[in-house]
Amino acid sequence: MTEDLPEAVRLGLEAARAAAMKRSNRLCIHDQGKVHRVLRMWEGGFALAASDAPPLRGYVDLYDGPRHLSSCLIVALPEEGSGERVYEFKIQMPVIDAPPADFERTETAPAALIPNAF
C-alpha cells in the first residue's frame, strides 16, 4: 500500500513512525557518560538511530528507564542505509539485583514473618 503513496507522504509516514518508536521505547544504551536511545531490540542485538549514535564498540550498559538490565560487549554491523545503526551482542551479562547466595532460593519462600497474636 505504501508503494502507491507519493514520495513525500511516504517519507513523512516513516519519520512519524520512527519518532513514535523513540518516544514509546524506554530502552537506552549508556556509553562513557553518553545515552543513546534504542529503536528496536531482539535476542541477538539492537538498533540505534544512525544520525544520533556514533559507531560504538566494546562494553556498554543497557537500561530500561532507570533500571540497569545488563552489561554488554557489542560490535557494530555494516550500515545498510535504513537510517539505523545495527549492533550485535558478543556477550550480554544480566545485572544481579540481589547479593549472591551460597544456597538455593526457593520460589515459595515466605516474604515476611507473621508475628504471634497471643
PDB file of N, CA and C in Angstrom:
ATOM      1  N   MET A   1       0.821  -1.188   0.000  1.00  0.00           N
ATOM      2  CA  MET A   1       0.000   0.000   0.000  1.00  0.00           C
ATOM      3  C   MET A   1       0.863   1.250   0.000  1.00  0.00           C
ATOM      4  N   THR A   2       2.012   1.201   0.642  1.00  0.00           N
ATOM      5  CA  THR A   2       2.866   2.387   0.685  1.00  0.00           C
ATOM      6  C   THR A   2       3.525   2.661  -0.655  1.00  0.00           C
ATOM      7  N   GLU A   3       3.477   1.693  -1.593  1.00  0.00           N
ATOM      8  CA  GLU A   3       4.061   1.913  -2.922  1.00  0.00           C
ATOM      9  C   GLU A   3       3.234   2.918  -3.718  1.00  0.00           C
ATOM     10  N   ASP A   4       1.939   3.038  -3.417  1.00  0.00           N
ATOM     11  CA  ASP A   4       1.046   3.924  -4.153  1.00  0.00           C
ATOM     12  C   ASP A   4       1.094   5.365  -3.660  1.00  0.00           C
ATOM     13  N   LEU A   5       1.732   5.605  -2.528  1.00  0.00           N
ATOM     14  CA  LEU A   5       1.778   6.948  -1.952  1.00  0.00           C
ATOM     15  C   LEU A   5       2.880   7.775  -2.602  1.00  0.00           C
ATOM     16  N   PRO A   6       2.681   9.099  -2.669  1.00  0.00           N
ATOM     17  CA  PRO A   6       3.756   9.968  -3.152  1.00  0.00           C
ATOM     18  C   PRO A   6       4.974   9.881  -2.220  1.00  0.00           C
ATOM     19  N   GLU A   7       6.122  10.156  -2.769  1.00  0.00           N
ATOM     20  CA  GLU A   7       7.388  10.024  -2.024  1.00  0.00           C
ATOM     21  C   GLU A   7       7.399  10.879  -0.759  1.00  0.00           C
ATOM     22  N   ALA A   8       6.897  12.102  -0.817  1.00  0.00           N
ATOM     23  CA  ALA A   8       6.899  12.999   0.346  1.00  0.00           C
ATOM     24  C   ALA A   8       6.016  12.438   1.471  1.00  0.00           C
ATOM     25  N   VAL A   9       4.866  11.885   1.114  1.00  0.00           N
ATOM     26  CA  VAL A   9       3.957  11.317   2.114  1.00  0.00           C
ATOM     27  C   VAL A   9       4.580  10.078   2.743  1.00  0.00           C
ATOM     28  N   ARG A  10       5.204   9.226   1.929  1.00  0.00           N
ATOM     29  CA  ARG A  10       5.840   8.010   2.442  1.00  0.00           C
ATOM     30  C   ARG A  10       6.972   8.347   3.402  1.00  0.00           C
ATOM     31  N   LEU A  11       7.784   9.343   3.051  1.00  0.00           N
ATOM     32  CA  LEU A  11       8.882   9.764   3.927  1.00  0.00           C
ATOM     33  C   LEU A  11       8.349  10.354   5.232  1.00  0.00           C
ATOM     34  N   GLY A  12       7.251  11.105   5.133  1.00  0.00           N
ATOM     35  CA  GLY A  12       6.639  11.666   6.331  1.00  0.00           C
ATOM     36  C   GLY A  12       6.098  10.596   7.261  1.00  0.00           C
ATOM     37  N   LEU A  13       5.485   9.565   6.687  1.00  0.00           N
ATOM     38  CA  LEU A  13       4.978   8.451   7.490  1.00  0.00           C
ATOM     39  C   LEU A  13       6.114   7.684   8.164  1.00  0.00           C
ATOM     40  N   GLU A  14       7.203   7.467   7.449  1.00  0.00           N
ATOM     41  CA  GLU A  14       8.350   6.771   8.040  1.00  0.00           C
ATOM     42  C   GLU A  14       8.970   7.593   9.171  1.00  0.00           C
ATOM     43  N   ALA A  15       9.058   8.910   8.985  1.00  0.00           N
ATOM     44  CA  ALA A  15       9.603   9.778  10.028  1.00  0.00           C
ATOM     45  C   ALA A  15       8.695   9.783  11.261  1.00  0.00           C
ATOM     46  N   ALA A  16       7.384   9.803  11.052  1.00  0.00           N
ATOM     47  CA  ALA A  16       6.447   9.779  12.177  1.00  0.00           C
ATOM     48  C   ALA A  16       6.520   8.451  12.920  1.00  0.00           C
ATOM     49  N   ARG A  17       6.657   7.347  12.201  1.00  0.00           N
ATOM     50  CA  ARG A  17       6.786   6.023  12.829  1.00  0.00           C
ATOM     51  C   ARG A  17       8.061   5.938  13.658  1.00  0.00           C
ATOM     52  N   ALA A  18       9.160   6.461  13.122  1.00  0.00           N
ATOM     53  CA  ALA A  18      10.426   6.437  13.853  1.00  0.00           C
ATOM     54  C   ALA A  18      10.349   7.311  15.104  1.00  0.00           C
ATOM     55  N   ALA A  19       9.693   8.471  15.007  1.00  0.00           N
ATOM     56  CA  ALA A  19       9.549   9.356  16.171  1.00  0.00           C
ATOM     57  C   ALA A  19       8.679   8.711  17.243  1.00  0.00           C
ATOM     58  N   ALA A  20       7.614   8.017  16.836  1.00  0.00           N
ATOM     59  CA  ALA A  20       6.746   7.338  17.804  1.00  0.00           C
ATOM     60  C   ALA A  20       7.485   6.206  18.505  1.00  0.00           C
ATOM     61  N   MET A  21       8.313   5.477  17.774  1.00  0.00           N
ATOM     62  CA  MET A  21       9.095   4.409  18.389  1.00  0.00           C
ATOM     63  C   MET A  21      10.086   4.957  19.405  1.00  0.00           C
ATOM     64  N   LYS A  22      10.697   6.105  19.097  1.00  0.00           N
ATOM     65  CA  LYS A  22      11.650   6.706  20.029  1.00  0.00           C
ATOM     66  C   LYS A  22      10.964   7.140  21.320  1.00  0.00           C
ATOM     67  N   ARG A  23       9.754   7.671  21.221  1.00  0.00           N
ATOM     68  CA  ARG A  23       9.032   8.140  22.403  1.00  0.00           C
ATOM     69  C   ARG A  23       8.545   6.982  23.263  1.00  0.00           C
ATOM     70  N   SER A  24       8.077   5.905  22.634  1.00  0.00           N
ATOM     71  CA  SER A  24       7.462   4.824  23.386  1.00  0.00           C
ATOM     72  C   SER A  24       8.479   3.867  23.991  1.00  0.00           C
ATOM     73  N   ASN A  25       9.670   3.827  23.479  1.00  0.00           N
ATOM     74  CA  ASN A  25      10.665   2.873  23.940  1.00  0.00           C
ATOM     75  C   ASN A  25      11.521   3.491  25.043  1.00  0.00           C
ATOM     76  N   ARG A  26      11.628   2.803  26.166  1.00  0.00           N
ATOM     77  CA  ARG A  26      12.428   3.312  27.279  1.00  0.00           C
ATOM     78  C   ARG A  26      13.833   2.736  27.299  1.00  0.00           C
ATOM     79  N   LEU A  27      14.132   1.780  26.423  1.00  0.00           N
ATOM     80  CA  LEU A  27      15.445   1.165  26.405  1.00  0.00           C
ATOM     81  C   LEU A  27      16.490   2.162  25.918  1.00  0.00           C
ATOM     82  N   CYS A  28      17.640   2.165  26.574  1.00  0.00           N
ATOM     83  CA  CYS A  28      18.719   3.040  26.149  1.00  0.00           C
ATOM     84  C   CYS A  28      20.063   2.394  26.472  1.00  0.00           C
ATOM     85  N   ILE A  29      21.075   2.845  25.767  1.00  0.00           N
ATOM     86  CA  ILE A  29      22.445   2.374  25.939  1.00  0.00           C
ATOM     87  C   ILE A  29      23.256   3.509  26.559  1.00  0.00           C
ATOM     88  N   HIS A  30      24.011   3.196  27.601  1.00  0.00           N
ATOM     89  CA  HIS A  30      24.911   4.165  28.219  1.00  0.00           C
ATOM     90  C   HIS A  30      26.332   3.797  27.826  1.00  0.00           C
ATOM     91  N   ASP A  31      27.038   4.745  27.211  1.00  0.00           N
ATOM     92  CA  ASP A  31      28.408   4.523  26.779  1.00  0.00           C
ATOM     93  C   ASP A  31      29.254   5.710  27.190  1.00  0.00           C
ATOM     94  N   GLN A  32      30.113   5.521  28.169  1.00  0.00           N
ATOM     95  CA  GLN A  32      31.049   6.548  28.641  1.00  0.00           C
ATOM     96  C   GLN A  32      30.352   7.877  28.929  1.00  0.00           C
ATOM     97  N   GLY A  33      29.247   7.822  29.657  1.00  0.00           N
ATOM     98  CA  GLY A  33      28.532   9.019  30.055  1.00  0.00           C
ATOM     99  C   GLY A  33      27.539   9.535  29.024  1.00  0.00           C
ATOM    100  N   LYS A  34      27.470   8.939  27.862  1.00  0.00           N
ATOM    101  CA  LYS A  34      26.516   9.356  26.835  1.00  0.00           C
ATOM    102  C   LYS A  34      25.382   8.344  26.777  1.00  0.00           C
ATOM    103  N   VAL A  35      24.173   8.835  26.510  1.00  0.00           N
ATOM    104  CA  VAL A  35      22.983   7.992  26.458  1.00  0.00           C
ATOM    105  C   VAL A  35      22.442   7.981  25.030  1.00  0.00           C
ATOM    106  N   HIS A  36      22.178   6.774  24.513  1.00  0.00           N
ATOM    107  CA  HIS A  36      21.640   6.600  23.165  1.00  0.00           C
ATOM    108  C   HIS A  36      20.360   5.784  23.264  1.00  0.00           C
ATOM    109  N   ARG A  37      19.284   6.257  22.653  1.00  0.00           N
ATOM    110  CA  ARG A  37      18.001   5.557  22.654  1.00  0.00           C
ATOM    111  C   ARG A  37      18.051   4.349  21.729  1.00  0.00           C
ATOM    112  N   VAL A  38      17.472   3.249  22.168  1.00  0.00           N
ATOM    113  CA  VAL A  38      17.380   2.030  21.366  1.00  0.00           C
ATOM    114  C   VAL A  38      16.073   2.079  20.575  1.00  0.00           C
ATOM    115  N   LEU A  39      16.166   1.961  19.259  1.00  0.00           N
ATOM    116  CA  LEU A  39      14.969   1.962  18.421  1.00  0.00           C
ATOM    117  C   LEU A  39      14.247   0.626  18.501  1.00  0.00           C
ATOM    118  N   ARG A  40      14.990  -0.450  18.363  1.00  0.00           N
ATOM    119  CA  ARG A  40      14.414  -1.784  18.487  1.00  0.00           C
ATOM    120  C   ARG A  40      15.484  -2.728  18.998  1.00  0.00           C
ATOM    121  N   MET A  41      15.008  -3.820  19.617  1.00  0.00           N
ATOM    122  CA  MET A  41      15.923  -4.786  20.195  1.00  0.00           C
ATOM    123  C   MET A  41      15.385  -6.184  19.941  1.00  0.00           C
ATOM    124  N   TRP A  42      16.257  -7.124  19.723  1.00  0.00           N
ATOM    125  CA  TRP A  42      15.911  -8.523  19.543  1.00  0.00           C
ATOM    126  C   TRP A  42      16.913  -9.344  20.335  1.00  0.00           C
ATOM    127  N   GLU A  43      16.804 -10.645  20.263  1.00  0.00           N
ATOM    128  CA  GLU A  43      17.606 -11.516  21.114  1.00  0.00           C
ATOM    129  C   GLU A  43      19.110 -11.357  20.879  1.00  0.00           C
ATOM    130  N   GLY A  44      19.527 -11.147  19.656  1.00  0.00           N
ATOM    131  CA  GLY A  44      20.956 -11.098  19.357  1.00  0.00           C
ATOM    132  C   GLY A  44      21.546  -9.716  19.201  1.00  0.00           C
ATOM    133  N   GLY A  45      20.737  -8.654  19.364  1.00  0.00           N
ATOM    134  CA  GLY A  45      21.280  -7.322  19.183  1.00  0.00           C
ATOM    135  C   GLY A  45      20.237  -6.232  19.309  1.00  0.00           C
ATOM    136  N   PHE A  46      20.587  -5.046  18.813  1.00  0.00           N
ATOM    137  CA  PHE A  46      19.698  -3.888  18.896  1.00  0.00           C
ATOM    138  C   PHE A  46      20.066  -2.908  17.800  1.00  0.00           C
ATOM    139  N   ALA A  47      19.209  -1.901  17.605  1.00  0.00           N
ATOM    140  CA  ALA A  47      19.431  -0.878  16.593  1.00  0.00           C
ATOM    141  C   ALA A  47      19.267   0.501  17.212  1.00  0.00           C
ATOM    142  N   LEU A  48      20.145   1.410  16.818  1.00  0.00           N
ATOM    143  CA  LEU A  48      20.084   2.816  17.220  1.00  0.00           C
ATOM    144  C   LEU A  48      19.885   3.661  15.972  1.00  0.00           C
ATOM    145  N   ALA A  49      19.440   4.895  16.157  1.00  0.00           N
ATOM    146  CA  ALA A  49      19.307   5.815  15.027  1.00  0.00           C
ATOM    147  C   ALA A  49      20.704   6.174  14.530  1.00  0.00           C
ATOM    148  N   ALA A  50      20.926   6.054  13.235  1.00  0.00           N
ATOM    149  CA  ALA A  50      22.251   6.310  12.665  1.00  0.00           C
ATOM    150  C   ALA A  50      22.657   7.775  12.826  1.00  0.00           C
ATOM    151  N   SER A  51      21.691   8.680  12.853  1.00  0.00           N
ATOM    152  CA  SER A  51      22.006  10.100  12.965  1.00  0.00           C
ATOM    153  C   SER A  51      22.442  10.482  14.384  1.00  0.00           C
ATOM    154  N   ASP A  52      21.989   9.730  15.397  1.00  0.00           N
ATOM    155  CA  ASP A  52      22.281  10.078  16.787  1.00  0.00           C
ATOM    156  C   ASP A  52      23.480   9.351  17.371  1.00  0.00           C
ATOM    157  N   ALA A  53      23.762   8.149  16.890  1.00  0.00           N
ATOM    158  CA  ALA A  53      24.754   7.306  17.550  1.00  0.00           C
ATOM    159  C   ALA A  53      26.040   7.213  16.745  1.00  0.00           C
ATOM    160  N   PRO A  54      27.174   7.373  17.404  1.00  0.00           N
ATOM    161  CA  PRO A  54      28.445   7.117  16.732  1.00  0.00           C
ATOM    162  C   PRO A  54      28.647   5.607  16.606  1.00  0.00           C
ATOM    163  N   PRO A  55      29.576   5.156  15.805  1.00  0.00           N
ATOM    164  CA  PRO A  55      29.824   3.713  15.725  1.00  0.00           C
ATOM    165  C   PRO A  55      30.421   3.204  17.041  1.00  0.00           C
ATOM    166  N   LEU A  56      29.604   2.571  17.856  1.00  0.00           N
ATOM    167  CA  LEU A  56      30.020   2.080  19.163  1.00  0.00           C
ATOM    168  C   LEU A  56      30.700   0.729  19.020  1.00  0.00           C
ATOM    169  N   ARG A  57      31.580   0.434  19.994  1.00  0.00           N
ATOM    170  CA  ARG A  57      32.232  -0.860  20.030  1.00  0.00           C
ATOM    171  C   ARG A  57      32.777  -1.056  21.428  1.00  0.00           C
ATOM    172  N   GLY A  58      32.644  -2.255  21.955  1.00  0.00           N
ATOM    173  CA  GLY A  58      33.169  -2.546  23.279  1.00  0.00           C
ATOM    174  C   GLY A  58      32.055  -2.718  24.288  1.00  0.00           C
ATOM    175  N   TYR A  59      32.356  -2.357  25.546  1.00  0.00           N
ATOM    176  CA  TYR A  59      31.394  -2.549  26.632  1.00  0.00           C
ATOM    177  C   TYR A  59      30.455  -1.362  26.749  1.00  0.00           C
ATOM    178  N   VAL A  60      29.157  -1.643  26.841  1.00  0.00           N
ATOM    179  CA  VAL A  60      28.118  -0.636  27.080  1.00  0.00           C
ATOM    180  C   VAL A  60      27.148  -1.218  28.106  1.00  0.00           C
ATOM    181  N   ASP A  61      26.325  -0.350  28.686  1.00  0.00           N
ATOM    182  CA  ASP A  61      25.315  -0.774  29.650  1.00  0.00           C
ATOM    183  C   ASP A  61      23.935  -0.549  29.048  1.00  0.00           C
ATOM    184  N   LEU A  62      23.062  -1.527  29.211  1.00  0.00           N
ATOM    185  CA  LEU A  62      21.695  -1.467  28.694  1.00  0.00           C
ATOM    186  C   LEU A  62      20.753  -1.160  29.852  1.00  0.00           C
ATOM    187  N   TYR A  63      19.924  -0.117  29.695  1.00  0.00           N
ATOM    188  CA  TYR A  63      18.980   0.314  30.724  1.00  0.00           C
ATOM    189  C   TYR A  63      17.563   0.310  30.179  1.00  0.00           C
ATOM    190  N   ASP A  64      16.609   0.027  31.060  1.00  0.00           N
ATOM    191  CA  ASP A  64      15.190   0.197  30.770  1.00  0.00           C
ATOM    192  C   ASP A  64      14.715   1.299  31.696  1.00  0.00           C
ATOM    193  N   GLY A  65      14.728   2.528  31.197  1.00  0.00           N
ATOM    194  CA  GLY A  65      14.459   3.679  32.066  1.00  0.00           C
ATOM    195  C   GLY A  65      15.589   3.781  33.080  1.00  0.00           C
ATOM    196  N   PRO A  66      15.281   3.818  34.380  1.00  0.00           N
ATOM    197  CA  PRO A  66      16.339   3.908  35.396  1.00  0.00           C
ATOM    198  C   PRO A  66      16.890   2.541  35.824  1.00  0.00           C
ATOM    199  N   ARG A  67      16.292   1.445  35.333  1.00  0.00           N
ATOM    200  CA  ARG A  67      16.685   0.096  35.774  1.00  0.00           C
ATOM    201  C   ARG A  67      17.792  -0.464  34.883  1.00  0.00           C
ATOM    202  N   HIS A  68      18.914  -0.821  35.484  1.00  0.00           N
ATOM    203  CA  HIS A  68      20.060  -1.384  34.773  1.00  0.00           C
ATOM    204  C   HIS A  68      19.767  -2.850  34.457  1.00  0.00           C
ATOM    205  N   LEU A  69      19.697  -3.185  33.173  1.00  0.00           N
ATOM    206  CA  LEU A  69      19.363  -4.546  32.760  1.00  0.00           C
ATOM    207  C   LEU A  69      20.588  -5.430  32.586  1.00  0.00           C
ATOM    208  N   SER A  70      21.584  -4.940  31.822  1.00  0.00           N
ATOM    209  CA  SER A  70      22.744  -5.789  31.556  1.00  0.00           C
ATOM    210  C   SER A  70      23.944  -4.962  31.115  1.00  0.00           C
ATOM    211  N   SER A  71      25.097  -5.600  31.240  1.00  0.00           N
ATOM    212  CA  SER A  71      26.342  -5.074  30.683  1.00  0.00           C
ATOM    213  C   SER A  71      26.643  -5.900  29.450  1.00  0.00           C
ATOM    214  N   CYS A  72      26.999  -5.241  28.358  1.00  0.00           N
ATOM    215  CA  CYS A  72      27.100  -5.936  27.079  1.00  0.00           C
ATOM    216  C   CYS A  72      28.418  -5.610  26.389  1.00  0.00           C
ATOM    217  N   LEU A  73      28.948  -6.596  25.704  1.00  0.00           N
ATOM    218  CA  LEU A  73      30.054  -6.410  24.782  1.00  0.00           C
ATOM    219  C   LEU A  73      29.437  -6.441  23.395  1.00  0.00           C
ATOM    220  N   ILE A  74      29.596  -5.343  22.642  1.00  0.00           N
ATOM    221  CA  ILE A  74      28.907  -5.232  21.355  1.00  0.00           C
ATOM    222  C   ILE A  74      29.890  -4.987  20.227  1.00  0.00           C
ATOM    223  N   VAL A  75      29.418  -5.244  19.020  1.00  0.00           N
ATOM    224  CA  VAL A  75      30.160  -4.943  17.805  1.00  0.00           C
ATOM    225  C   VAL A  75      29.155  -4.409  16.782  1.00  0.00           C
ATOM    226  N   ALA A  76      29.562  -3.394  16.010  1.00  0.00           N
ATOM    227  CA  ALA A  76      28.670  -2.791  15.015  1.00  0.00           C
ATOM    228  C   ALA A  76      28.681  -3.613  13.733  1.00  0.00           C
ATOM    229  N   LEU A  77      27.498  -3.767  13.142  1.00  0.00           N
ATOM    230  CA  LEU A  77      27.369  -4.441  11.849  1.00  0.00           C
ATOM    231  C   LEU A  77      27.438  -3.384  10.753  1.00  0.00           C
ATOM    232  N   PRO A  78      27.753  -3.772   9.523  1.00  0.00           N
ATOM    233  CA  PRO A  78      27.803  -2.780   8.433  1.00  0.00           C
ATOM    234  C   PRO A  78      26.452  -2.084   8.258  1.00  0.00           C
ATOM    235  N   GLU A  79      26.505  -0.776   8.023  1.00  0.00           N
ATOM    236  CA  GLU A  79      25.283   0.015   7.879  1.00  0.00           C
ATOM    237  C   GLU A  79      24.630  -0.281   6.532  1.00  0.00           C
ATOM    238  N   GLU A  80      23.301  -0.420   6.549  1.00  0.00           N
ATOM    239  CA  GLU A  80      22.568  -0.796   5.344  1.00  0.00           C
ATOM    240  C   GLU A  80      21.849   0.381   4.694  1.00  0.00           C
ATOM    241  N   GLY A  81      21.936   1.568   5.245  1.00  0.00           N
ATOM    242  CA  GLY A  81      21.269   2.718   4.667  1.00  0.00           C
ATOM    243  C   GLY A  81      19.816   2.862   5.072  1.00  0.00           C
ATOM    244  N   SER A  82      19.383   2.144   6.111  1.00  0.00           N
ATOM    245  CA  SER A  82      17.985   2.208   6.547  1.00  0.00           C
ATOM    246  C   SER A  82      17.759   3.280   7.604  1.00  0.00           C
ATOM    247  N   GLY A  83      18.779   4.058   7.913  1.00  0.00           N
ATOM    248  CA  GLY A  83      18.643   5.070   8.957  1.00  0.00           C
ATOM    249  C   GLY A  83      18.885   4.515  10.342  1.00  0.00           C
ATOM    250  N   GLU A  84      19.270   3.246  10.412  1.00  0.00           N
ATOM    251  CA  GLU A  84      19.554   2.592  11.686  1.00  0.00           C
ATOM    252  C   GLU A  84      20.989   2.076  11.688  1.00  0.00           C
ATOM    253  N   ARG A  85      21.574   2.114  12.852  1.00  0.00           N
ATOM    254  CA  ARG A  85      22.883   1.505  13.046  1.00  0.00           C
ATOM    255  C   ARG A  85      22.658   0.259  13.892  1.00  0.00           C
ATOM    256  N   VAL A  86      23.002  -0.885  13.364  1.00  0.00           N
ATOM    257  CA  VAL A  86      22.695  -2.165  13.995  1.00  0.00           C
ATOM    258  C   VAL A  86      23.932  -2.697  14.715  1.00  0.00           C
ATOM    259  N   TYR A  87      23.697  -3.199  15.930  1.00  0.00           N
ATOM    260  CA  TYR A  87      24.758  -3.758  16.760  1.00  0.00           C
ATOM    261  C   TYR A  87      24.401  -5.177  17.152  1.00  0.00           C
ATOM    262  N   GLU A  88      25.419  -5.992  17.341  1.00  0.00           N
ATOM    263  CA  GLU A  88      25.232  -7.383  17.731  1.00  0.00           C
ATOM    264  C   GLU A  88      25.906  -7.609  19.077  1.00  0.00           C
ATOM    265  N   PHE A  89      25.247  -8.403  19.929  1.00  0.00           N
ATOM    266  CA  PHE A  89      25.832  -8.746  21.217  1.00  0.00           C
ATOM    267  C   PHE A  89      26.870  -9.842  21.036  1.00  0.00           C
ATOM    268  N   LYS A  90      28.057  -9.632  21.574  1.00  0.00           N
ATOM    269  CA  LYS A  90      29.019 -10.729  21.671  1.00  0.00           C
ATOM    270  C   LYS A  90      28.846 -11.399  23.028  1.00  0.00           C
ATOM    271  N   ILE A  91      28.661 -10.572  24.054  1.00  0.00           N
ATOM    272  CA  ILE A  91      28.390 -11.046  25.415  1.00  0.00           C
ATOM    273  C   ILE A  91      27.322 -10.129  25.999  1.00  0.00           C
ATOM    274  N   GLN A  92      26.335 -10.722  26.658  1.00  0.00           N
ATOM    275  CA  GLN A  92      25.315  -9.947  27.362  1.00  0.00           C
ATOM    276  C   GLN A  92      25.154 -10.544  28.750  1.00  0.00           C
ATOM    277  N   MET A  93      25.625  -9.815  29.768  1.00  0.00           N
ATOM    278  CA  MET A  93      25.601 -10.308  31.144  1.00  0.00           C
ATOM    279  C   MET A  93      24.540  -9.566  31.934  1.00  0.00           C
ATOM    280  N   PRO A  94      23.517 -10.273  32.438  1.00  0.00           N
ATOM    281  CA  PRO A  94      22.473  -9.602  33.216  1.00  0.00           C
ATOM    282  C   PRO A  94      23.034  -9.076  34.536  1.00  0.00           C
ATOM    283  N   VAL A  95      22.477  -7.976  34.973  1.00  0.00           N
ATOM    284  CA  VAL A  95      22.881  -7.385  36.239  1.00  0.00           C
ATOM    285  C   VAL A  95      22.057  -8.029  37.347  1.00  0.00           C
ATOM    286  N   ILE A  96      22.722  -8.454  38.399  1.00  0.00           N
ATOM    287  CA  ILE A  96      22.050  -9.119  39.514  1.00  0.00           C
ATOM    288  C   ILE A  96      21.632  -8.053  40.517  1.00  0.00           C
ATOM    289  N   ASP A  97      20.344  -8.054  40.895  1.00  0.00           N
ATOM    290  CA  ASP A  97      19.843  -7.035  41.817  1.00  0.00           C
ATOM    291  C   ASP A  97      19.850  -7.500  43.272  1.00  0.00           C
ATOM    292  N   ALA A  98      20.244  -8.736  43.521  1.00  0.00           N
ATOM    293  CA  ALA A  98      20.330  -9.255  44.889  1.00  0.00           C
ATOM    294  C   ALA A  98      21.752  -9.782  45.113  1.00  0.00           C
ATOM    295  N   PRO A  99      22.213  -9.752  46.339  1.00  0.00           N
ATOM    296  CA  PRO A  99      23.557 -10.277  46.579  1.00  0.00           C
ATOM    297  C   PRO A  99      23.607 -11.775  46.300  1.00  0.00           C
ATOM    298  N   PRO A 100      24.743 -12.277  45.878  1.00  0.00           N
ATOM    299  CA  PRO A 100      24.833 -13.709  45.616  1.00  0.00           C
ATOM    300  C   PRO A 100      24.688 -14.517  46.902  1.00  0.00           C
ATOM    301  N   ALA A 101      24.121 -15.701  46.775  1.00  0.00           N
ATOM    302  CA  ALA A 101      23.907 -16.558  47.942  1.00  0.00           C
ATOM    303  C   ALA A 101      24.565 -17.908  47.694  1.00  0.00           C
ATOM    304  N   ASP A 102      24.968 -18.576  48.768  1.00  0.00           N
ATOM    305  CA  ASP A 102      25.583 -19.887  48.637  1.00  0.00           C
ATOM    306  C   ASP A 102      24.565 -21.000  48.889  1.00  0.00           C
ATOM    307  N   PHE A 103      23.284 -20.681  48.722  1.00  0.00           N
ATOM    308  CA  PHE A 103      22.215 -21.659  48.865  1.00  0.00           C
ATOM    309  C   PHE A 103      21.153 -21.373  47.815  1.00  0.00           C
ATOM    310  N   GLU A 104      20.322 -22.342  47.559  1.00  0.00           N
ATOM    311  CA  GLU A 104      19.270 -22.191  46.557  1.00  0.00           C
ATOM    312  C   GLU A 104      18.078 -21.447  47.151  1.00  0.00           C
ATOM    313  N   ARG A 105      17.637 -20.416  46.452  1.00  0.00           N
ATOM    314  CA  ARG A 105      16.452 -19.674  46.884  1.00  0.00           C
ATOM    315  C   ARG A 105      15.233 -20.315  46.233  1.00  0.00           C
ATOM    316  N   THR A 106      14.246 -20.642  47.046  1.00  0.00           N
ATOM    317  CA  THR A 106      13.046 -21.273  46.500  1.00  0.00           C
ATOM    318  C   THR A 106      12.036 -20.217  46.089  1.00  0.00           C
ATOM    319  N   GLU A 107      11.186 -20.592  45.158  1.00  0.00           N
ATOM    320  CA  GLU A 107      10.151 -19.675  44.673  1.00  0.00           C
ATOM    321  C   GLU A 107       9.073 -19.457  45.730  1.00  0.00           C
ATOM    322  N   THR A 108       8.874 -20.423  46.631  1.00  0.00           N
ATOM    323  CA  THR A 108       7.804 -20.342  47.621  1.00  0.00           C
ATOM    324  C   THR A 108       8.305 -19.861  48.979  1.00  0.00           C
ATOM    325  N   ALA A 109       9.426 -19.199  49.006  1.00  0.00           N
ATOM    326  CA  ALA A 109       9.956 -18.686  50.270  1.00  0.00           C
ATOM    327  C   ALA A 109       9.005 -17.627  50.842  1.00  0.00           C
ATOM    328  N   PRO A 110       8.831 -17.567  52.173  1.00  0.00           N
ATOM    329  CA  PRO A 110       7.933 -16.550  52.746  1.00  0.00           C
ATOM    330  C   PRO A 110       8.495 -15.151  52.536  1.00  0.00           C
ATOM    331  N   ALA A 111       7.607 -14.226  52.330  1.00  0.00           N
ATOM    332  CA  ALA A 111       8.019 -12.839  52.086  1.00  0.00           C
ATOM    333  C   ALA A 111       8.330 -12.130  53.405  1.00  0.00           C
ATOM    334  N   ALA A 112       7.664 -12.547  54.500  1.00  0.00           N
ATOM    335  CA  ALA A 112       7.882 -11.910  55.801  1.00  0.00           C
ATOM    336  C   ALA A 112       7.432 -12.879  56.895  1.00  0.00           C
ATOM    337  N   LEU A 113       7.807 -12.586  58.126  1.00  0.00           N
ATOM    338  CA  LEU A 113       7.382 -13.388  59.252  1.00  0.00           C
ATOM    339  C   LEU A 113       6.109 -12.825  59.818  1.00  0.00           C
ATOM    340  N   ILE A 114       5.201 -13.714  60.227  1.00  0.00           N
ATOM    341  CA  ILE A 114       3.935 -13.295  60.839  1.00  0.00           C
ATOM    342  C   ILE A 114       4.135 -13.334  62.355  1.00  0.00           C
ATOM    343  N   PRO A 115       3.920 -12.224  63.048  1.00  0.00           N
ATOM    344  CA  PRO A 115       4.146 -12.213  64.490  1.00  0.00           C
ATOM    345  C   PRO A 115       3.066 -13.022  65.231  1.00  0.00           C
ATOM    346  N   ASN A 116       3.408 -13.469  66.428  1.00  0.00           N
ATOM    347  CA  ASN A 116       2.474 -14.209  67.275  1.00  0.00           C
ATOM    348  C   ASN A 116       1.360 -13.293  67.732  1.00  0.00           C
ATOM    349  N   ALA A 117       0.112 -13.740  67.634  1.00  0.00           N
ATOM    350  CA  ALA A 117      -1.012 -12.918  68.048  1.00  0.00           C
ATOM    351  C   ALA A 117      -1.351 -13.135  69.523  1.00  0.00           C
ATOM    352  N   PHE A 118      -0.728 -14.102  70.196  1.00  0.00           N
ATOM    353  CA  PHE A 118      -1.054 -14.418  71.598  1.00  0.00           C
ATOM    354  C   PHE A 118      -0.159 -13.729  72.544  1.00  0.00           C
TER     355      PHE A 118
END
